[in-house]
């Protein structure tokens, strides 16, 4: 099961309905999340570019995408951004794999880090 961050921006029409009805957003989206095989961890209203933040677990990327597509197809959002999250342990495991894998990769252009290492200090 993977954890996903969904950042949602509503349309002004969607906000107008929500302000008038004042319904619980978690109650509204839970059936869709569950139909796609997921479960909601947390849900927050937010200030800024996105109006709602949802942390949810899904069994696969396809299941998370199904939720995102279904929510977007409803027409109440002007933007919905999905990000798969890695636990710290999974991130460290990825770093270990990257450290091992980089020995077989030759980048097409020397990296800025490699170029800096070749310059004497203070130049």
PDB file of N, CA and C in Angstrom:
ATOM      1  N   UNK A   1       0.855  -1.178   0.000  1.00  0.00           N
ATOM      2  CA  UNK A   1       0.000   0.000   0.000  1.00  0.00           C
ATOM      3  C   UNK A   1       0.892   1.228   0.000  1.00  0.00           C
ATOM      4  N   UNK A   2       0.656   2.125  -0.927  1.00  0.00           N
ATOM      5  CA  UNK A   2       1.428   3.361  -1.003  1.00  0.00           C
ATOM      6  C   UNK A   2       0.618   4.538  -0.485  1.00  0.00           C
ATOM      7  N   UNK A   3       1.332   5.552  -0.029  1.00  0.00           N
ATOM      8  CA  UNK A   3       0.678   6.767   0.454  1.00  0.00           C
ATOM      9  C   UNK A   3       0.813   7.845  -0.614  1.00  0.00           C
ATOM     10  N   UNK A   4      -0.274   8.561  -0.833  1.00  0.00           N
ATOM     11  CA  UNK A   4      -0.328   9.580  -1.877  1.00  0.00           C
ATOM     12  C   UNK A   4      -0.802  10.905  -1.298  1.00  0.00           C
ATOM     13  N   UNK A   5      -0.226  11.970  -1.810  1.00  0.00           N
ATOM     14  CA  UNK A   5      -0.630  13.329  -1.473  1.00  0.00           C
ATOM     15  C   UNK A   5      -1.439  13.863  -2.652  1.00  0.00           C
ATOM     16  N   UNK A   6      -2.654  14.302  -2.376  1.00  0.00           N
ATOM     17  CA  UNK A   6      -3.502  14.923  -3.395  1.00  0.00           C
ATOM     18  C   UNK A   6      -3.692  16.385  -3.009  1.00  0.00           C
ATOM     19  N   UNK A   7      -3.365  17.280  -3.940  1.00  0.00           N
ATOM     20  CA  UNK A   7      -3.551  18.710  -3.743  1.00  0.00           C
ATOM     21  C   UNK A   7      -4.644  19.149  -4.708  1.00  0.00           C
ATOM     22  N   UNK A   8      -5.721  19.679  -4.153  1.00  0.00           N
ATOM     23  CA  UNK A   8      -6.915  19.974  -4.934  1.00  0.00           C
ATOM     24  C   UNK A   8      -7.204  21.472  -4.925  1.00  0.00           C
ATOM     25  N   UNK A   9      -7.463  22.021  -6.103  1.00  0.00           N
ATOM     26  CA  UNK A   9      -7.927  23.403  -6.226  1.00  0.00           C
ATOM     27  C   UNK A   9      -9.344  23.349  -6.800  1.00  0.00           C
ATOM     28  N   UNK A  10     -10.275  23.953  -6.087  1.00  0.00           N
ATOM     29  CA  UNK A  10     -11.677  23.941  -6.511  1.00  0.00           C
ATOM     30  C   UNK A  10     -11.990  25.080  -7.473  1.00  0.00           C
ATOM     31  N   UNK A  11     -13.015  24.892  -8.271  1.00  0.00           N
ATOM     32  CA  UNK A  11     -13.545  25.968  -9.095  1.00  0.00           C
ATOM     33  C   UNK A  11     -14.357  26.903  -8.203  1.00  0.00           C
ATOM     34  N   UNK A  12     -14.624  28.108  -8.676  1.00  0.00           N
ATOM     35  CA  UNK A  12     -15.442  29.039  -7.883  1.00  0.00           C
ATOM     36  C   UNK A  12     -16.865  28.508  -7.725  1.00  0.00           C
ATOM     37  N   UNK A  13     -17.395  27.826  -8.750  1.00  0.00           N
ATOM     38  CA  UNK A  13     -18.733  27.231  -8.630  1.00  0.00           C
ATOM     39  C   UNK A  13     -18.760  26.167  -7.540  1.00  0.00           C
ATOM     40  N   UNK A  14     -17.720  25.365  -7.468  1.00  0.00           N
ATOM     41  CA  UNK A  14     -17.635  24.338  -6.431  1.00  0.00           C
ATOM     42  C   UNK A  14     -17.605  24.976  -5.048  1.00  0.00           C
ATOM     43  N   UNK A  15     -16.812  26.041  -4.900  1.00  0.00           N
ATOM     44  CA  UNK A  15     -16.767  26.736  -3.611  1.00  0.00           C
ATOM     45  C   UNK A  15     -18.127  27.305  -3.243  1.00  0.00           C
ATOM     46  N   UNK A  16     -18.836  27.852  -4.215  1.00  0.00           N
ATOM     47  CA  UNK A  16     -20.157  28.438  -3.931  1.00  0.00           C
ATOM     48  C   UNK A  16     -21.107  27.387  -3.356  1.00  0.00           C
ATOM     49  N   UNK A  17     -21.112  26.196  -3.937  1.00  0.00           N
ATOM     50  CA  UNK A  17     -21.966  25.114  -3.444  1.00  0.00           C
ATOM     51  C   UNK A  17     -21.512  24.666  -2.057  1.00  0.00           C
ATOM     52  N   UNK A  18     -20.211  24.528  -1.868  1.00  0.00           N
ATOM     53  CA  UNK A  18     -19.696  24.069  -0.576  1.00  0.00           C
ATOM     54  C   UNK A  18     -19.972  25.073   0.543  1.00  0.00           C
ATOM     55  N   UNK A  19     -19.832  26.351   0.250  1.00  0.00           N
ATOM     56  CA  UNK A  19     -20.104  27.370   1.264  1.00  0.00           C
ATOM     57  C   UNK A  19     -21.587  27.351   1.638  1.00  0.00           C
ATOM     58  N   UNK A  20     -22.438  27.163   0.655  1.00  0.00           N
ATOM     59  CA  UNK A  20     -23.883  27.139   0.929  1.00  0.00           C
ATOM     60  C   UNK A  20     -24.288  25.881   1.703  1.00  0.00           C
ATOM     61  N   UNK A  21     -23.740  24.725   1.329  1.00  0.00           N
ATOM     62  CA  UNK A  21     -24.152  23.453   1.925  1.00  0.00           C
ATOM     63  C   UNK A  21     -23.377  23.109   3.199  1.00  0.00           C
ATOM     64  N   UNK A  22     -22.123  23.514   3.275  1.00  0.00           N
ATOM     65  CA  UNK A  22     -21.243  23.238   4.408  1.00  0.00           C
ATOM     66  C   UNK A  22     -21.191  21.747   4.770  1.00  0.00           C
ATOM     67  N   UNK A  23     -21.164  20.910   3.752  1.00  0.00           N
ATOM     68  CA  UNK A  23     -21.082  19.459   3.957  1.00  0.00           C
ATOM     69  C   UNK A  23     -19.648  19.056   4.277  1.00  0.00           C
ATOM     70  N   UNK A  24     -19.492  17.929   4.915  1.00  0.00           N
ATOM     71  CA  UNK A  24     -18.171  17.412   5.278  1.00  0.00           C
ATOM     72  C   UNK A  24     -17.509  16.793   4.055  1.00  0.00           C
ATOM     73  N   UNK A  25     -16.375  17.351   3.644  1.00  0.00           N
ATOM     74  CA  UNK A  25     -15.676  16.890   2.449  1.00  0.00           C
ATOM     75  C   UNK A  25     -15.213  15.444   2.584  1.00  0.00           C
ATOM     76  N   UNK A  26     -14.813  15.034   3.785  1.00  0.00           N
ATOM     77  CA  UNK A  26     -14.358  13.654   3.984  1.00  0.00           C
ATOM     78  C   UNK A  26     -15.517  12.687   3.725  1.00  0.00           C
ATOM     79  N   UNK A  27     -16.695  13.031   4.212  1.00  0.00           N
ATOM     80  CA  UNK A  27     -17.866  12.188   3.958  1.00  0.00           C
ATOM     81  C   UNK A  27     -18.169  12.096   2.466  1.00  0.00           C
ATOM     82  N   UNK A  28     -17.925  13.197   1.748  1.00  0.00           N
ATOM     83  CA  UNK A  28     -18.220  13.229   0.311  1.00  0.00           C
ATOM     84  C   UNK A  28     -17.240  12.396  -0.503  1.00  0.00           C
ATOM     85  N   UNK A  29     -15.939  12.433  -0.161  1.00  0.00           N
ATOM     86  CA  UNK A  29     -14.960  11.755  -1.009  1.00  0.00           C
ATOM     87  C   UNK A  29     -14.634  10.334  -0.558  1.00  0.00           C
ATOM     88  N   UNK A  30     -14.961   9.978   0.677  1.00  0.00           N
ATOM     89  CA  UNK A  30     -14.626   8.636   1.173  1.00  0.00           C
ATOM     90  C   UNK A  30     -15.185   7.517   0.295  1.00  0.00           C
ATOM     91  N   UNK A  31     -16.453   7.568  -0.140  1.00  0.00           N
ATOM     92  CA  UNK A  31     -16.933   6.473  -1.002  1.00  0.00           C
ATOM     93  C   UNK A  31     -16.119   6.303  -2.284  1.00  0.00           C
ATOM     94  N   UNK A  32     -15.679   7.404  -2.883  1.00  0.00           N
ATOM     95  CA  UNK A  32     -14.865   7.322  -4.099  1.00  0.00           C
ATOM     96  C   UNK A  32     -13.490   6.733  -3.794  1.00  0.00           C
ATOM     97  N   UNK A  33     -12.877   7.191  -2.709  1.00  0.00           N
ATOM     98  CA  UNK A  33     -11.572   6.656  -2.315  1.00  0.00           C
ATOM     99  C   UNK A  33     -11.680   5.154  -2.082  1.00  0.00           C
ATOM    100  N   UNK A  34     -12.697   4.740  -1.331  1.00  0.00           N
ATOM    101  CA  UNK A  34     -12.867   3.318  -1.016  1.00  0.00           C
ATOM    102  C   UNK A  34     -13.193   2.491  -2.258  1.00  0.00           C
ATOM    103  N   UNK A  35     -13.981   3.031  -3.171  1.00  0.00           N
ATOM    104  CA  UNK A  35     -14.308   2.322  -4.419  1.00  0.00           C
ATOM    105  C   UNK A  35     -13.050   2.063  -5.243  1.00  0.00           C
ATOM    106  N   UNK A  36     -12.062   2.938  -5.102  1.00  0.00           N
ATOM    107  CA  UNK A  36     -10.791   2.783  -5.818  1.00  0.00           C
ATOM    108  C   UNK A  36      -9.789   1.972  -4.995  1.00  0.00           C
ATOM    109  N   UNK A  37     -10.226   1.407  -3.873  1.00  0.00           N
ATOM    110  CA  UNK A  37      -9.367   0.545  -3.071  1.00  0.00           C
ATOM    111  C   UNK A  37      -8.546   1.251  -2.021  1.00  0.00           C
ATOM    112  N   UNK A  38      -8.814   2.533  -1.786  1.00  0.00           N
ATOM    113  CA  UNK A  38      -7.995   3.305  -0.868  1.00  0.00           C
ATOM    114  C   UNK A  38      -8.661   3.624   0.450  1.00  0.00           C
ATOM    115  N   UNK A  39      -7.904   4.335   1.270  1.00  0.00           N
ATOM    116  CA  UNK A  39      -8.422   4.837   2.543  1.00  0.00           C
ATOM    117  C   UNK A  39      -7.784   6.189   2.824  1.00  0.00           C
ATOM    118  N   UNK A  40      -8.547   7.078   3.428  1.00  0.00           N
ATOM    119  CA  UNK A  40      -8.057   8.425   3.738  1.00  0.00           C
ATOM    120  C   UNK A  40      -7.319   8.396   5.071  1.00  0.00           C
ATOM    121  N   UNK A  41      -6.111   8.940   5.068  1.00  0.00           N
ATOM    122  CA  UNK A  41      -5.346   9.103   6.315  1.00  0.00           C
ATOM    123  C   UNK A  41      -5.701  10.418   6.984  1.00  0.00           C
ATOM    124  N   UNK A  42      -5.615  11.497   6.203  1.00  0.00           N
ATOM    125  CA  UNK A  42      -5.869  12.853   6.702  1.00  0.00           C
ATOM    126  C   UNK A  42      -6.433  13.700   5.570  1.00  0.00           C
ATOM    127  N   UNK A  43      -7.159  14.722   5.955  1.00  0.00           N
ATOM    128  CA  UNK A  43      -7.705  15.663   4.982  1.00  0.00           C
ATOM    129  C   UNK A  43      -7.686  17.046   5.621  1.00  0.00           C
ATOM    130  N   UNK A  44      -7.198  18.033   4.875  1.00  0.00           N
ATOM    131  CA  UNK A  44      -7.057  19.392   5.403  1.00  0.00           C
ATOM    132  C   UNK A  44      -7.526  20.404   4.364  1.00  0.00           C
ATOM    133  N   UNK A  45      -8.174  21.472   4.819  1.00  0.00           N
ATOM    134  CA  UNK A  45      -8.344  22.646   3.968  1.00  0.00           C
ATOM    135  C   UNK A  45      -7.025  23.406   4.026  1.00  0.00           C
ATOM    136  N   UNK A  46      -6.704  24.135   2.945  1.00  0.00           N
ATOM    137  CA  UNK A  46      -5.417  24.818   2.874  1.00  0.00           C
ATOM    138  C   UNK A  46      -5.588  26.210   2.273  1.00  0.00           C
ATOM    139  N   UNK A  47      -4.639  27.071   2.559  1.00  0.00           N
ATOM    140  CA  UNK A  47      -4.560  28.386   1.943  1.00  0.00           C
ATOM    141  C   UNK A  47      -3.492  28.335   0.865  1.00  0.00           C
ATOM    142  N   UNK A  48      -3.652  29.110  -0.187  1.00  0.00           N
ATOM    143  CA  UNK A  48      -2.632  29.156  -1.235  1.00  0.00           C
ATOM    144  C   UNK A  48      -3.159  28.630  -2.550  1.00  0.00           C
ATOM    145  N   UNK A  49      -2.280  28.002  -3.316  1.00  0.00           N
ATOM    146  CA  UNK A  49      -2.645  27.528  -4.651  1.00  0.00           C
ATOM    147  C   UNK A  49      -3.650  26.375  -4.610  1.00  0.00           C
ATOM    148  N   UNK A  50      -3.661  25.621  -3.524  1.00  0.00           N
ATOM    149  CA  UNK A  50      -4.563  24.475  -3.401  1.00  0.00           C
ATOM    150  C   UNK A  50      -5.487  24.683  -2.213  1.00  0.00           C
ATOM    151  N   UNK A  51      -6.712  24.197  -2.359  1.00  0.00           N
ATOM    152  CA  UNK A  51      -7.746  24.396  -1.348  1.00  0.00           C
ATOM    153  C   UNK A  51      -7.908  23.223  -0.401  1.00  0.00           C
ATOM    154  N   UNK A  52      -7.529  22.042  -0.850  1.00  0.00           N
ATOM    155  CA  UNK A  52      -7.707  20.835  -0.059  1.00  0.00           C
ATOM    156  C   UNK A  52      -6.475  19.959  -0.215  1.00  0.00           C
ATOM    157  N   UNK A  53      -6.029  19.379   0.884  1.00  0.00           N
ATOM    158  CA  UNK A  53      -4.908  18.443   0.889  1.00  0.00           C
ATOM    159  C   UNK A  53      -5.437  17.126   1.437  1.00  0.00           C
ATOM    160  N   UNK A  54      -5.213  16.047   0.711  1.00  0.00           N
ATOM    161  CA  UNK A  54      -5.655  14.727   1.151  1.00  0.00           C
ATOM    162  C   UNK A  54      -4.447  13.801   1.163  1.00  0.00           C
ATOM    163  N   UNK A  55      -4.237  13.114   2.277  1.00  0.00           N
ATOM    164  CA  UNK A  55      -3.256  12.038   2.363  1.00  0.00           C
ATOM    165  C   UNK A  55      -4.053  10.746   2.388  1.00  0.00           C
ATOM    166  N   UNK A  56      -3.790   9.877   1.417  1.00  0.00           N
ATOM    167  CA  UNK A  56      -4.555   8.639   1.310  1.00  0.00           C
ATOM    168  C   UNK A  56      -3.649   7.486   0.921  1.00  0.00           C
ATOM    169  N   UNK A  57      -4.039   6.299   1.361  1.00  0.00           N
ATOM    170  CA  UNK A  57      -3.321   5.077   0.997  1.00  0.00           C
ATOM    171  C   UNK A  57      -4.076   4.363  -0.108  1.00  0.00           C
ATOM    172  N   UNK A  58      -3.325   3.885  -1.117  1.00  0.00           N
ATOM    173  CA  UNK A  58      -3.906   3.106  -2.215  1.00  0.00           C
ATOM    174  C   UNK A  58      -3.029   1.895  -2.464  1.00  0.00           C
ATOM    175  N   UNK A  59      -3.626   0.796  -2.938  1.00  0.00           N
ATOM    176  CA  UNK A  59      -2.850  -0.424  -3.152  1.00  0.00           C
ATOM    177  C   UNK A  59      -1.900  -0.355  -4.349  1.00  0.00           C
ATOM    178  N   UNK A  60      -2.128   0.597  -5.245  1.00  0.00           N
ATOM    179  CA  UNK A  60      -1.286   0.706  -6.441  1.00  0.00           C
ATOM    180  C   UNK A  60      -1.382   2.114  -7.011  1.00  0.00           C
ATOM    181  N   UNK A  61      -0.436   2.423  -7.889  1.00  0.00           N
ATOM    182  CA  UNK A  61      -0.476   3.710  -8.588  1.00  0.00           C
ATOM    183  C   UNK A  61      -1.730   3.812  -9.458  1.00  0.00           C
ATOM    184  N   UNK A  62      -2.141   2.688 -10.026  1.00  0.00           N
ATOM    185  CA  UNK A  62      -3.346   2.684 -10.868  1.00  0.00           C
ATOM    186  C   UNK A  62      -4.581   3.034 -10.058  1.00  0.00           C
ATOM    187  N   UNK A  63      -4.667   2.521  -8.826  1.00  0.00           N
ATOM    188  CA  UNK A  63      -5.811   2.824  -7.964  1.00  0.00           C
ATOM    189  C   UNK A  63      -5.823   4.305  -7.585  1.00  0.00           C
ATOM    190  N   UNK A  64      -4.646   4.855  -7.275  1.00  0.00           N
ATOM    191  CA  UNK A  64      -4.551   6.285  -6.956  1.00  0.00           C
ATOM    192  C   UNK A  64      -4.919   7.131  -8.171  1.00  0.00           C
ATOM    193  N   UNK A  65      -4.471   6.701  -9.343  1.00  0.00           N
ATOM    194  CA  UNK A  65      -4.812   7.423 -10.573  1.00  0.00           C
ATOM    195  C   UNK A  65      -6.306   7.360 -10.851  1.00  0.00           C
ATOM    196  N   UNK A  66      -6.928   6.217 -10.576  1.00  0.00           N
ATOM    197  CA  UNK A  66      -8.379   6.087 -10.777  1.00  0.00           C
ATOM    198  C   UNK A  66      -9.128   7.080  -9.905  1.00  0.00           C
ATOM    199  N   UNK A  67      -8.697   7.216  -8.647  1.00  0.00           N
ATOM    200  CA  UNK A  67      -9.325   8.210  -7.768  1.00  0.00           C
ATOM    201  C   UNK A  67      -9.144   9.612  -8.343  1.00  0.00           C
ATOM    202  N   UNK A  68      -7.914   9.955  -8.712  1.00  0.00           N
ATOM    203  CA  UNK A  68      -7.615  11.277  -9.236  1.00  0.00           C
ATOM    204  C   UNK A  68      -8.422  11.590 -10.498  1.00  0.00           C
ATOM    205  N   UNK A  69      -8.473  10.625 -11.409  1.00  0.00           N
ATOM    206  CA  UNK A  69      -9.233  10.811 -12.652  1.00  0.00           C
ATOM    207  C   UNK A  69     -10.723  10.980 -12.376  1.00  0.00           C
ATOM    208  N   UNK A  70     -11.259  10.157 -11.489  1.00  0.00           N
ATOM    209  CA  UNK A  70     -12.690  10.252 -11.165  1.00  0.00           C
ATOM    210  C   UNK A  70     -13.025  11.585 -10.518  1.00  0.00           C
ATOM    211  N   UNK A  71     -12.181  12.018  -9.583  1.00  0.00           N
ATOM    212  CA  UNK A  71     -12.426  13.296  -8.917  1.00  0.00           C
ATOM    213  C   UNK A  71     -12.337  14.458  -9.909  1.00  0.00           C
ATOM    214  N   UNK A  72     -11.376  14.402 -10.795  1.00  0.00           N
ATOM    215  CA  UNK A  72     -11.212  15.462 -11.792  1.00  0.00           C
ATOM    216  C   UNK A  72     -12.372  15.475 -12.786  1.00  0.00           C
ATOM    217  N   UNK A  73     -12.815  14.284 -13.189  1.00  0.00           N
ATOM    218  CA  UNK A  73     -13.897  14.179 -14.183  1.00  0.00           C
ATOM    219  C   UNK A  73     -15.218  14.737 -13.663  1.00  0.00           C
ATOM    220  N   UNK A  74     -15.345  14.865 -12.350  1.00  0.00           N
ATOM    221  CA  UNK A  74     -16.577  15.412 -11.773  1.00  0.00           C
ATOM    222  C   UNK A  74     -16.791  16.883 -12.087  1.00  0.00           C
ATOM    223  N   UNK A  75     -15.734  17.605 -12.453  1.00  0.00           N
ATOM    224  CA  UNK A  75     -15.861  18.997 -12.868  1.00  0.00           C
ATOM    225  C   UNK A  75     -15.785  20.030 -11.753  1.00  0.00           C
ATOM    226  N   UNK A  76     -15.587  19.613 -10.503  1.00  0.00           N
ATOM    227  CA  UNK A  76     -15.543  20.570  -9.392  1.00  0.00           C
ATOM    228  C   UNK A  76     -14.151  21.098  -9.098  1.00  0.00           C
ATOM    229  N   UNK A  77     -13.144  20.523  -9.771  1.00  0.00           N
ATOM    230  CA  UNK A  77     -11.770  20.953  -9.520  1.00  0.00           C
ATOM    231  C   UNK A  77     -11.209  21.686 -10.723  1.00  0.00           C
ATOM    232  N   UNK A  78     -10.355  22.655 -10.452  1.00  0.00           N
ATOM    233  CA  UNK A  78      -9.635  23.287 -11.552  1.00  0.00           C
ATOM    234  C   UNK A  78      -8.224  22.734 -11.652  1.00  0.00           C
ATOM    235  N   UNK A  79      -7.768  22.076 -10.571  1.00  0.00           N
ATOM    236  CA  UNK A  79      -6.461  21.413 -10.576  1.00  0.00           C
ATOM    237  C   UNK A  79      -6.468  20.326  -9.515  1.00  0.00           C
ATOM    238  N   UNK A  80      -5.810  19.222  -9.838  1.00  0.00           N
ATOM    239  CA  UNK A  80      -5.632  18.143  -8.872  1.00  0.00           C
ATOM    240  C   UNK A  80      -4.253  17.552  -9.131  1.00  0.00           C
ATOM    241  N   UNK A  81      -3.370  17.709  -8.170  1.00  0.00           N
ATOM    242  CA  UNK A  81      -1.993  17.235  -8.299  1.00  0.00           C
ATOM    243  C   UNK A  81      -1.811  16.029  -7.392  1.00  0.00           C
ATOM    244  N   UNK A  82      -1.251  14.956  -7.936  1.00  0.00           N
ATOM    245  CA  UNK A  82      -1.036  13.724  -7.189  1.00  0.00           C
ATOM    246  C   UNK A  82       0.459  13.464  -7.052  1.00  0.00           C
ATOM    247  N   UNK A  83       0.899  13.162  -5.827  1.00  0.00           N
ATOM    248  CA  UNK A  83       2.298  12.866  -5.561  1.00  0.00           C
ATOM    249  C   UNK A  83       2.379  11.595  -4.727  1.00  0.00           C
ATOM    250  N   UNK A  84       3.130  10.603  -5.208  1.00  0.00           N
ATOM    251  CA  UNK A  84       3.358   9.411  -4.396  1.00  0.00           C
ATOM    252  C   UNK A  84       4.420   9.749  -3.357  1.00  0.00           C
ATOM    253  N   UNK A  85       4.171   9.365  -2.122  1.00  0.00           N
ATOM    254  CA  UNK A  85       5.097   9.659  -1.028  1.00  0.00           C
ATOM    255  C   UNK A  85       5.871   8.408  -0.637  1.00  0.00           C
ATOM    256  N   UNK A  86       7.107   8.602  -0.210  1.00  0.00           N
ATOM    257  CA  UNK A  86       7.935   7.508   0.303  1.00  0.00           C
ATOM    258  C   UNK A  86       8.156   7.729   1.788  1.00  0.00           C
ATOM    259  N   UNK A  87       8.018   6.684   2.575  1.00  0.00           N
ATOM    260  CA  UNK A  87       8.393   6.780   3.986  1.00  0.00           C
ATOM    261  C   UNK A  87       9.900   7.034   4.037  1.00  0.00           C
ATOM    262  N   UNK A  88      10.391   7.464   5.187  1.00  0.00           N
ATOM    263  CA  UNK A  88      11.832   7.689   5.332  1.00  0.00           C
ATOM    264  C   UNK A  88      12.583   6.386   5.061  1.00  0.00           C
ATOM    265  N   UNK A  89      12.066   5.266   5.570  1.00  0.00           N
ATOM    266  CA  UNK A  89      12.732   3.978   5.329  1.00  0.00           C
ATOM    267  C   UNK A  89      12.783   3.641   3.845  1.00  0.00           C
ATOM    268  N   UNK A  90      11.685   3.867   3.134  1.00  0.00           N
ATOM    269  CA  UNK A  90      11.679   3.602   1.689  1.00  0.00           C
ATOM    270  C   UNK A  90      12.608   4.563   0.956  1.00  0.00           C
ATOM    271  N   UNK A  91      12.675   5.799   1.416  1.00  0.00           N
ATOM    272  CA  UNK A  91      13.589   6.776   0.812  1.00  0.00           C
ATOM    273  C   UNK A  91      15.041   6.372   0.995  1.00  0.00           C
ATOM    274  N   UNK A  92      15.386   5.895   2.193  1.00  0.00           N
ATOM    275  CA  UNK A  92      16.757   5.438   2.449  1.00  0.00           C
ATOM    276  C   UNK A  92      17.074   4.219   1.598  1.00  0.00           C
ATOM    277  N   UNK A  93      16.114   3.311   1.467  1.00  0.00           N
ATOM    278  CA  UNK A  93      16.321   2.140   0.605  1.00  0.00           C
ATOM    279  C   UNK A  93      16.559   2.584  -0.838  1.00  0.00           C
ATOM    280  N   UNK A  94      15.827   3.590  -1.288  1.00  0.00           N
ATOM    281  CA  UNK A  94      16.026   4.111  -2.646  1.00  0.00           C
ATOM    282  C   UNK A  94      17.416   4.731  -2.798  1.00  0.00           C
ATOM    283  N   UNK A  95      17.877   5.426  -1.757  1.00  0.00           N
ATOM    284  CA  UNK A  95      19.222   6.017  -1.797  1.00  0.00           C
ATOM    285  C   UNK A  95      20.294   4.934  -1.870  1.00  0.00           C
ATOM    286  N   UNK A  96      20.095   3.839  -1.141  1.00  0.00           N
ATOM    287  CA  UNK A  96      21.060   2.729  -1.209  1.00  0.00           C
ATOM    288  C   UNK A  96      21.120   2.155  -2.621  1.00  0.00           C
ATOM    289  N   UNK A  97      19.947   1.939  -3.205  1.00  0.00           N
ATOM    290  CA  UNK A  97      19.900   1.403  -4.567  1.00  0.00           C
ATOM    291  C   UNK A  97      20.552   2.375  -5.544  1.00  0.00           C
ATOM    292  N   UNK A  98      20.284   3.671  -5.374  1.00  0.00           N
ATOM    293  CA  UNK A  98      20.889   4.685  -6.254  1.00  0.00           C
ATOM    294  C   UNK A  98      22.406   4.685  -6.127  1.00  0.00           C
ATOM    295  N   UNK A  99      22.903   4.541  -4.907  1.00  0.00           N
ATOM    296  CA  UNK A  99      24.355   4.525  -4.686  1.00  0.00           C
ATOM    297  C   UNK A  99      24.997   3.338  -5.405  1.00  0.00           C
ATOM    298  N   UNK A 100      24.328   2.195  -5.375  1.00  0.00           N
ATOM    299  CA  UNK A 100      24.844   1.005  -6.060  1.00  0.00           C
ATOM    300  C   UNK A 100      24.711   1.133  -7.577  1.00  0.00           C
ATOM    301  N   UNK A 101      23.603   1.696  -8.031  1.00  0.00           N
ATOM    302  CA  UNK A 101      23.324   1.766  -9.468  1.00  0.00           C
ATOM    303  C   UNK A 101      24.174   2.800 -10.192  1.00  0.00           C
ATOM    304  N   UNK A 102      24.578   3.858  -9.499  1.00  0.00           N
ATOM    305  CA  UNK A 102      25.299   4.925 -10.205  1.00  0.00           C
ATOM    306  C   UNK A 102      26.636   4.480 -10.771  1.00  0.00           C
ATOM    307  N   UNK A 103      27.175   3.376 -10.283  1.00  0.00           N
ATOM    308  CA  UNK A 103      28.463   2.900 -10.791  1.00  0.00           C
ATOM    309  C   UNK A 103      28.372   2.397 -12.227  1.00  0.00           C
ATOM    310  N   UNK A 104      27.169   2.108 -12.708  1.00  0.00           N
ATOM    311  CA  UNK A 104      27.010   1.602 -14.075  1.00  0.00           C
ATOM    312  C   UNK A 104      26.451   2.656 -15.029  1.00  0.00           C
ATOM    313  N   UNK A 105      26.336   3.888 -14.552  1.00  0.00           N
ATOM    314  CA  UNK A 105      25.743   4.950 -15.366  1.00  0.00           C
ATOM    315  C   UNK A 105      26.762   6.020 -15.683  1.00  0.00           C
ATOM    316  N   UNK A 106      26.828   6.390 -16.955  1.00  0.00           N
ATOM    317  CA  UNK A 106      27.673   7.496 -17.387  1.00  0.00           C
ATOM    318  C   UNK A 106      26.757   8.588 -17.914  1.00  0.00           C
ATOM    319  N   UNK A 107      26.683   9.727 -17.214  1.00  0.00           N
ATOM    320  CA  UNK A 107      25.798  10.796 -17.682  1.00  0.00           C
ATOM    321  C   UNK A 107      26.290  11.375 -19.005  1.00  0.00           C
ATOM    322  N   UNK A 108      25.374  11.897 -19.819  1.00  0.00           N
ATOM    323  CA  UNK A 108      25.769  12.447 -21.117  1.00  0.00           C
ATOM    324  C   UNK A 108      26.595  13.726 -21.000  1.00  0.00           C
ATOM    325  N   UNK A 109      26.475  14.444 -19.901  1.00  0.00           N
ATOM    326  CA  UNK A 109      27.205  15.683 -19.677  1.00  0.00           C
ATOM    327  C   UNK A 109      27.799  15.617 -18.266  1.00  0.00           C
ATOM    328  N   UNK A 110      29.024  16.063 -18.097  1.00  0.00           N
ATOM    329  CA  UNK A 110      29.576  16.074 -16.738  1.00  0.00           C
ATOM    330  C   UNK A 110      28.694  16.925 -15.821  1.00  0.00           C
ATOM    331  N   UNK A 111      28.473  16.452 -14.640  1.00  0.00           N
ATOM    332  CA  UNK A 111      27.600  17.190 -13.729  1.00  0.00           C
ATOM    333  C   UNK A 111      28.328  18.381 -13.127  1.00  0.00           C
ATOM    334  N   UNK A 112      27.559  19.322 -12.639  1.00  0.00           N
ATOM    335  CA  UNK A 112      28.130  20.510 -12.000  1.00  0.00           C
ATOM    336  C   UNK A 112      28.920  20.109 -10.761  1.00  0.00           C
ATOM    337  N   UNK A 113      28.435  19.112 -10.044  1.00  0.00           N
ATOM    338  CA  UNK A 113      29.136  18.657  -8.837  1.00  0.00           C
ATOM    339  C   UNK A 113      30.502  18.098  -9.217  1.00  0.00           C
ATOM    340  N   UNK A 114      30.567  17.273 -10.258  1.00  0.00           N
ATOM    341  CA  UNK A 114      31.842  16.705 -10.687  1.00  0.00           C
ATOM    342  C   UNK A 114      32.793  17.809 -11.158  1.00  0.00           C
ATOM    343  N   UNK A 115      32.267  18.801 -11.862  1.00  0.00           N
ATOM    344  CA  UNK A 115      33.100  19.905 -12.341  1.00  0.00           C
ATOM    345  C   UNK A 115      33.649  20.714 -11.167  1.00  0.00           C
ATOM    346  N   UNK A 116      32.824  20.919 -10.133  1.00  0.00           N
ATOM    347  CA  UNK A 116      33.283  21.663  -8.955  1.00  0.00           C
ATOM    348  C   UNK A 116      34.369  20.888  -8.223  1.00  0.00           C
ATOM    349  N   UNK A 117      34.256  19.591  -8.183  1.00  0.00           N
ATOM    350  CA  UNK A 117      35.265  18.775  -7.492  1.00  0.00           C
ATOM    351  C   UNK A 117      36.623  18.879  -8.166  1.00  0.00           C
ATOM    352  N   UNK A 118      36.634  19.127  -9.486  1.00  0.00           N
ATOM    353  CA  UNK A 118      37.886  19.207 -10.210  1.00  0.00           C
ATOM    354  C   UNK A 118      38.572  20.560 -10.074  1.00  0.00           C
ATOM    355  N   UNK A 119      37.817  21.598  -9.629  1.00  0.00           N
ATOM    356  CA  UNK A 119      38.406  22.929  -9.483  1.00  0.00           C
ATOM    357  C   UNK A 119      39.110  23.031  -8.130  1.00  0.00           C
ATOM    358  N   UNK A 120      40.271  23.687  -8.097  1.00  0.00           N
ATOM    359  CA  UNK A 120      40.936  23.925  -6.809  1.00  0.00           C
ATOM    360  C   UNK A 120      40.077  24.826  -5.930  1.00  0.00           C
ATOM    361  N   UNK A 121      40.160  24.633  -4.639  1.00  0.00           N
ATOM    362  CA  UNK A 121      39.390  25.439  -3.691  1.00  0.00           C
ATOM    363  C   UNK A 121      39.755  26.914  -3.820  1.00  0.00           C
ATOM    364  N   UNK A 122      38.766  27.788  -3.650  1.00  0.00           N
ATOM    365  CA  UNK A 122      39.001  29.233  -3.666  1.00  0.00           C
ATOM    366  C   UNK A 122      39.016  29.853  -5.039  1.00  0.00           C
ATOM    367  N   UNK A 123      38.696  29.106  -6.105  1.00  0.00           N
ATOM    368  CA  UNK A 123      38.671  29.718  -7.445  1.00  0.00           C
ATOM    369  C   UNK A 123      37.270  29.953  -7.898  1.00  0.00           C
TER     370      UNK A 123
END
